[in-house]
């Protein structure tokens, strides 16, 4: 019935990449990234739930990097799958933190949902309107 929408899959993927990428840059990772070492350490301490208790500043920076720079790479469709993988790892850590804190499902759901979207992105790629397509076009 709605098969005509299939021809717009790459446009829909571009719109999704733009919205999700901007969200990661503006709402999530960007705030942590510009927060500096104190904010990185606070964020990095969340990985203790996985038994990793060393270098919290580094892990916090990596979370901020994966969300902000990863968000930019999602938008551009450049190194798209590695960016999605980094964000997926960050969402896994966020979900485990919320779960171990006993947070309500409403808080646990967001990182799980975004993780599922990153899995989708890993499988389908950046699409036709991406820098990956331009630089690594199959001949």
C-alpha atoms as a PDB file:
ATOM      1  CA  UNK A   1       0.000   0.000   0.000  1.00  0.00           C
ATOM      2  CA  UNK A   2       2.753   2.474   0.885  1.00  0.00           C
ATOM      3  CA  UNK A   3       5.405   1.017  -1.417  1.00  0.00           C
ATOM      4  CA  UNK A   4       5.841   4.409  -3.100  1.00  0.00           C
ATOM      5  CA  UNK A   5       7.682   5.547   0.040  1.00  0.00           C
ATOM      6  CA  UNK A   6      10.478   3.052  -0.674  1.00  0.00           C
ATOM      7  CA  UNK A   7      11.997   5.379  -3.242  1.00  0.00           C
ATOM      8  CA  UNK A   8      12.573   7.918  -0.452  1.00  0.00           C
ATOM      9  CA  UNK A   9      14.529   5.622   1.885  1.00  0.00           C
ATOM     10  CA  UNK A  10      17.789   7.529   1.436  1.00  0.00           C
ATOM     11  CA  UNK A  11      16.073  10.862   2.089  1.00  0.00           C
ATOM     12  CA  UNK A  12      14.492   9.443   5.255  1.00  0.00           C
ATOM     13  CA  UNK A  13      17.876   8.124   6.363  1.00  0.00           C
ATOM     14  CA  UNK A  14      19.428  11.559   5.778  1.00  0.00           C
ATOM     15  CA  UNK A  15      16.700  13.245   7.842  1.00  0.00           C
ATOM     16  CA  UNK A  16      17.170  10.680  10.643  1.00  0.00           C
ATOM     17  CA  UNK A  17      20.952  11.193  10.549  1.00  0.00           C
ATOM     18  CA  UNK A  18      20.501  14.973  10.787  1.00  0.00           C
ATOM     19  CA  UNK A  19      18.043  14.837  13.694  1.00  0.00           C
ATOM     20  CA  UNK A  20      19.862  12.211  15.725  1.00  0.00           C
ATOM     21  CA  UNK A  21      23.301  13.699  15.009  1.00  0.00           C
ATOM     22  CA  UNK A  22      22.189  17.183  16.078  1.00  0.00           C
ATOM     23  CA  UNK A  23      20.650  15.747  19.224  1.00  0.00           C
ATOM     24  CA  UNK A  24      23.932  14.102  20.173  1.00  0.00           C
ATOM     25  CA  UNK A  25      25.936  17.253  19.465  1.00  0.00           C
ATOM     26  CA  UNK A  26      23.662  19.812  21.121  1.00  0.00           C
ATOM     27  CA  UNK A  27      21.822  17.953  23.878  1.00  0.00           C
ATOM     28  CA  UNK A  28      24.283  15.270  24.922  1.00  0.00           C
ATOM     29  CA  UNK A  29      27.970  15.071  23.997  1.00  0.00           C
ATOM     30  CA  UNK A  30      28.570  18.735  23.233  1.00  0.00           C
ATOM     31  CA  UNK A  31      27.704  19.799  26.771  1.00  0.00           C
ATOM     32  CA  UNK A  32      30.028  17.194  28.238  1.00  0.00           C
ATOM     33  CA  UNK A  33      32.830  17.976  25.795  1.00  0.00           C
ATOM     34  CA  UNK A  34      32.890  21.700  26.575  1.00  0.00           C
ATOM     35  CA  UNK A  35      32.475  20.950  30.300  1.00  0.00           C
ATOM     36  CA  UNK A  36      36.160  20.122  30.542  1.00  0.00           C
ATOM     37  CA  UNK A  37      38.017  17.639  32.742  1.00  0.00           C
ATOM     38  CA  UNK A  38      35.684  18.000  35.753  1.00  0.00           C
ATOM     39  CA  UNK A  39      32.643  17.090  33.660  1.00  0.00           C
ATOM     40  CA  UNK A  40      34.599  14.343  31.864  1.00  0.00           C
ATOM     41  CA  UNK A  41      35.552  12.798  35.190  1.00  0.00           C
ATOM     42  CA  UNK A  42      31.954  12.871  36.416  1.00  0.00           C
ATOM     43  CA  UNK A  43      30.788  11.211  33.218  1.00  0.00           C
ATOM     44  CA  UNK A  44      33.718   8.788  33.194  1.00  0.00           C
ATOM     45  CA  UNK A  45      32.899   7.563  36.678  1.00  0.00           C
ATOM     46  CA  UNK A  46      29.717   6.036  35.270  1.00  0.00           C
ATOM     47  CA  UNK A  47      31.754   3.216  33.716  1.00  0.00           C
ATOM     48  CA  UNK A  48      32.494   1.894  37.215  1.00  0.00           C
ATOM     49  CA  UNK A  49      29.315  -0.149  36.825  1.00  0.00           C
ATOM     50  CA  UNK A  50      31.293  -2.303  34.398  1.00  0.00           C
ATOM     51  CA  UNK A  51      34.205  -2.732  36.811  1.00  0.00           C
ATOM     52  CA  UNK A  52      36.415  -0.133  35.105  1.00  0.00           C
ATOM     53  CA  UNK A  53      37.644   2.249  37.766  1.00  0.00           C
ATOM     54  CA  UNK A  54      40.779   3.730  36.191  1.00  0.00           C
ATOM     55  CA  UNK A  55      41.161   6.920  34.102  1.00  0.00           C
ATOM     56  CA  UNK A  56      37.631   8.329  34.560  1.00  0.00           C
ATOM     57  CA  UNK A  57      38.646  11.594  32.840  1.00  0.00           C
ATOM     58  CA  UNK A  58      39.687   9.644  29.741  1.00  0.00           C
ATOM     59  CA  UNK A  59      36.480   7.584  29.669  1.00  0.00           C
ATOM     60  CA  UNK A  60      34.353  10.692  30.166  1.00  0.00           C
ATOM     61  CA  UNK A  61      36.170  12.439  27.334  1.00  0.00           C
ATOM     62  CA  UNK A  62      35.651   9.380  25.127  1.00  0.00           C
ATOM     63  CA  UNK A  63      31.921   9.387  25.897  1.00  0.00           C
ATOM     64  CA  UNK A  64      31.702  13.097  25.053  1.00  0.00           C
ATOM     65  CA  UNK A  65      33.809  12.566  21.932  1.00  0.00           C
ATOM     66  CA  UNK A  66      31.706   9.643  20.737  1.00  0.00           C
ATOM     67  CA  UNK A  67      28.483  11.587  21.212  1.00  0.00           C
ATOM     68  CA  UNK A  68      29.561  14.982  19.869  1.00  0.00           C
ATOM     69  CA  UNK A  69      32.076  14.093  17.159  1.00  0.00           C
ATOM     70  CA  UNK A  70      30.151  10.892  16.484  1.00  0.00           C
ATOM     71  CA  UNK A  71      27.002  12.997  16.049  1.00  0.00           C
ATOM     72  CA  UNK A  72      28.809  15.165  13.514  1.00  0.00           C
ATOM     73  CA  UNK A  73      30.006  12.071  11.658  1.00  0.00           C
ATOM     74  CA  UNK A  74      26.437  10.723  11.630  1.00  0.00           C
ATOM     75  CA  UNK A  75      25.228  13.948  10.049  1.00  0.00           C
ATOM     76  CA  UNK A  76      27.950  13.905   7.414  1.00  0.00           C
ATOM     77  CA  UNK A  77      27.668  10.188   6.834  1.00  0.00           C
ATOM     78  CA  UNK A  78      31.442   9.976   7.168  1.00  0.00           C
ATOM     79  CA  UNK A  79      33.017   7.022   8.991  1.00  0.00           C
ATOM     80  CA  UNK A  80      29.358   6.378   9.691  1.00  0.00           C
ATOM     81  CA  UNK A  81      29.533   2.821  10.976  1.00  0.00           C
ATOM     82  CA  UNK A  82      32.498   3.417  13.337  1.00  0.00           C
ATOM     83  CA  UNK A  83      30.677   6.484  14.719  1.00  0.00           C
ATOM     84  CA  UNK A  84      27.511   4.437  15.247  1.00  0.00           C
ATOM     85  CA  UNK A  85      29.567   1.738  16.996  1.00  0.00           C
ATOM     86  CA  UNK A  86      31.134   4.256  19.398  1.00  0.00           C
ATOM     87  CA  UNK A  87      27.751   5.749  20.218  1.00  0.00           C
ATOM     88  CA  UNK A  88      26.334   2.244  20.708  1.00  0.00           C
ATOM     89  CA  UNK A  89      29.031   1.500  23.287  1.00  0.00           C
ATOM     90  CA  UNK A  90      28.285   4.792  25.051  1.00  0.00           C
ATOM     91  CA  UNK A  91      24.564   3.963  25.119  1.00  0.00           C
ATOM     92  CA  UNK A  92      25.338   0.536  26.571  1.00  0.00           C
ATOM     93  CA  UNK A  93      27.283   2.158  29.420  1.00  0.00           C
ATOM     94  CA  UNK A  94      24.486   4.690  29.994  1.00  0.00           C
ATOM     95  CA  UNK A  95      21.831   1.965  30.079  1.00  0.00           C
ATOM     96  CA  UNK A  96      23.810  -0.163  32.535  1.00  0.00           C
ATOM     97  CA  UNK A  97      24.312   2.869  34.784  1.00  0.00           C
ATOM     98  CA  UNK A  98      20.594   3.636  34.859  1.00  0.00           C
ATOM     99  CA  UNK A  99      19.794  -0.026  35.422  1.00  0.00           C
ATOM    100  CA  UNK A 100      22.304  -0.437  38.260  1.00  0.00           C
ATOM    101  CA  UNK A 101      21.063   2.777  39.913  1.00  0.00           C
ATOM    102  CA  UNK A 102      17.560   1.318  39.980  1.00  0.00           C
ATOM    103  CA  UNK A 103      16.274   4.143  37.804  1.00  0.00           C
ATOM    104  CA  UNK A 104      12.752   3.850  36.404  1.00  0.00           C
ATOM    105  CA  UNK A 105      12.214   2.309  32.988  1.00  0.00           C
ATOM    106  CA  UNK A 106      11.581   5.777  31.570  1.00  0.00           C
ATOM    107  CA  UNK A 107      15.271   6.624  32.163  1.00  0.00           C
ATOM    108  CA  UNK A 108      16.608   3.248  31.057  1.00  0.00           C
ATOM    109  CA  UNK A 109      14.570   3.247  27.840  1.00  0.00           C
ATOM    110  CA  UNK A 110      16.271   6.194  26.099  1.00  0.00           C
ATOM    111  CA  UNK A 111      19.809   4.782  25.894  1.00  0.00           C
ATOM    112  CA  UNK A 112      18.383   1.387  24.932  1.00  0.00           C
ATOM    113  CA  UNK A 113      16.289   2.953  22.163  1.00  0.00           C
ATOM    114  CA  UNK A 114      19.223   4.973  20.863  1.00  0.00           C
ATOM    115  CA  UNK A 115      21.377   1.851  21.023  1.00  0.00           C
ATOM    116  CA  UNK A 116      18.839   0.047  18.840  1.00  0.00           C
ATOM    117  CA  UNK A 117      18.992   2.900  16.332  1.00  0.00           C
ATOM    118  CA  UNK A 118      22.791   2.640  16.303  1.00  0.00           C
ATOM    119  CA  UNK A 119      22.477  -1.101  15.590  1.00  0.00           C
ATOM    120  CA  UNK A 120      20.157  -0.221  12.711  1.00  0.00           C
ATOM    121  CA  UNK A 121      22.691   2.321  11.438  1.00  0.00           C
ATOM    122  CA  UNK A 122      25.473  -0.272  11.676  1.00  0.00           C
ATOM    123  CA  UNK A 123      23.538  -2.656   9.453  1.00  0.00           C
ATOM    124  CA  UNK A 124      22.124  -0.268   6.839  1.00  0.00           C
ATOM    125  CA  UNK A 125      24.972   2.235   6.566  1.00  0.00           C
ATOM    126  CA  UNK A 126      24.842   5.949   5.831  1.00  0.00           C
ATOM    127  CA  UNK A 127      22.872   5.746   2.610  1.00  0.00           C
ATOM    128  CA  UNK A 128      23.111   7.472  -0.728  1.00  0.00           C
ATOM    129  CA  UNK A 129      23.480  11.025   0.578  1.00  0.00           C
ATOM    130  CA  UNK A 130      26.676  10.615   2.565  1.00  0.00           C
ATOM    131  CA  UNK A 131      30.379  11.287   2.393  1.00  0.00           C
ATOM    132  CA  UNK A 132      31.042   7.579   2.844  1.00  0.00           C
ATOM    133  CA  UNK A 133      29.264   6.968  -0.458  1.00  0.00           C
ATOM    134  CA  UNK A 134      31.384   9.609  -2.177  1.00  0.00           C
ATOM    135  CA  UNK A 135      34.733   8.500  -0.798  1.00  0.00           C
ATOM    136  CA  UNK A 136      34.253   4.733  -0.740  1.00  0.00           C
ATOM    137  CA  UNK A 137      31.920   4.240  -3.657  1.00  0.00           C
ATOM    138  CA  UNK A 138      32.008   0.684  -4.949  1.00  0.00           C
ATOM    139  CA  UNK A 139      33.081   0.574  -8.566  1.00  0.00           C
END
